[in-house]
Amino acid sequence: MSTPQASTRALPTTPPKGRRHKRYIPPTPRSHKAPSSTRLYGIHNLKDSPQDIKRKLTDKLNLTFEIDDWQAEMIHKIKSGYDSILVAGTGYGKSIVFEGLAALDKSKTVIVISPLKALERDQKAEAEKKGLRAEMVNEDTICADLWKKLRQCEHHLYYVSPEMALSDGFVNLWQSAAFRSRIQALIVDEAHCIEEWGDGFREQYAEIGKLRNYAGHEIPFVACTATCSTETFSVIWSSMGFGNRPFWGIDVGCDRPNLLFLTRILQNTKNPVLDALNILPTHIAEDAPATVLPKSLFYFDSIADCNLAVQTLRKCLPTKLRDCVQTFKSTSSEAGKKLTWEKFGDGRIRILCATDAAGMGCNVGDVEYVAMFNTPSSISVLVQRWGRAARNRTINGTCLLFVPKWALTLFPSDNVSHALGSQGLLSPSHIHRGEASCSQYWKSSSTSTLINSIPVVHTNSPQVISALTRTSPSSIIWIPRLHMS
């Protein structure tokens, strides 16, 4: 049988003449026009890499350090147009992201929705120190002149309360195409407030997602917080309408190795501050400078407790130093709160007794002690308040929580002390059971204290670590000792 041969006859390129054809099918596939762009909707290709951004911001923000990789990557993604969620611990430098965006493109504006006026004021001052034009927009500052500046986006950063962001005046601004074209990003700072406050305390937080209807798909939305459980993440995701645009998020973590965390049973329930008097020097001379008092921030549940604490502490101090103890509360005027916070920042006030008005974001770098009295309403509240301590990474801070007796379950720890002592690894002087101060802690080679009555041993000694694992690994915590200069 002969093998069939392929035809070498050329195929026609046009329909044959003289014959009618219902449909002519060309012998080759049709050519398609190449797409004009392959980018995702709302995403822009940047010339600058994250490393380029790190180098540029050191100069543009007058920084004495180079920003972290995650900060540069976050700025790069937002400038590319991605929606984002940023989870980073207190004091990690989330504000660098806002300021970096503004510094890299001063022709546009960054809008930051902020929960507290004190936080707005603090961040505005920090931005201005870095050479940026910043403004607060809340019910105390709004006026015809500010609306005009807003429309023209004359400032690089606007710190806005959620109530103002959803006001009729702002809605009118969003309806302007010229205004929208000048907005680089909309950022919700302390985004955990969407879950904590959106149900009733400040309902506008639950409605922030409505701004999507006005902003369109070209403006990236960003949520930033230091405390984000799975449930909180879900609330933020749904409330802010994430998932309809390209998204990129990062969880940096919240490890603060320069902080020591201690929990105590509250002994003096009628006057809680008495439990924290041991942070004061044992002897204070009449002419002693204010710096003998460690800079401290005490949190109370009520204004009455704040006032009682101030009265008690002042009685323990020489006349000259009594004005170094003050209150910070929501009922004070805005001018009064601003002055108090400035004095606390520069050291004229050494001990501040506060309510939650000073609970988030407020940045004073050299706070040595943060104490919270009574059980917190949530872990988020505890982390935010403790996060005020030692925001300057070069110093150490101590975080104290005083809780009712019923809130703690006691564990035996004598067996741990005995086991370590019998092996000559820790002498009795090393076992401080919670009485060691922060400075003593890091000067000791191997020290122990109690957190919730569970021993915590700070050591780098392999012999001690080995003894701990042999003794009672389920009832002891080992933390690597920090080497401090």
Foldseek 3Di string as FASTA:
>chain_A
DDDDDDDPDDDDQDDDPPDDDPDDDGPDDDDDDDDPDDDFVLFADDPDDLVNLQVVCCVQQVNPDTQDSVLSVVLVRLLRGAAEEEAEAQLNCPLCNLLSNLSVDVQAAEEEAEAAPLLQVQSCVSSVNRVFFEEEDDPVPDDPVVLVCLLNVVGRYYYYHLVVCPDPSNLVSLQDPVNLVRYSAYEYEQLLCLVVPCVPNDVSSLQCLVCCVRNDRNHHYYYYHNDADPVSVVSSCVSNVPDPGHHDYDHPHHDQVQEAEAEAAQDCPPQRCVVVVVQQDPDDDLPHDLVSRAQEEEEDADPVNQVSNLVVVLVVDHPVNSVLEEEAEDPDDPVVNVVVLVCSQVRVRRYYYYYCSVQANNERQRHAEYEYEEDDPDVRSLSSRQSNHNSPSQHHHYYYYHYHPVVADADDCVQVVVQCVVVVNDPPVQEPQAVDGSVSQQVDAWHWHQHSNQIEIEHPDPVSVVSCVVRDVVRHHYDHRDHHD
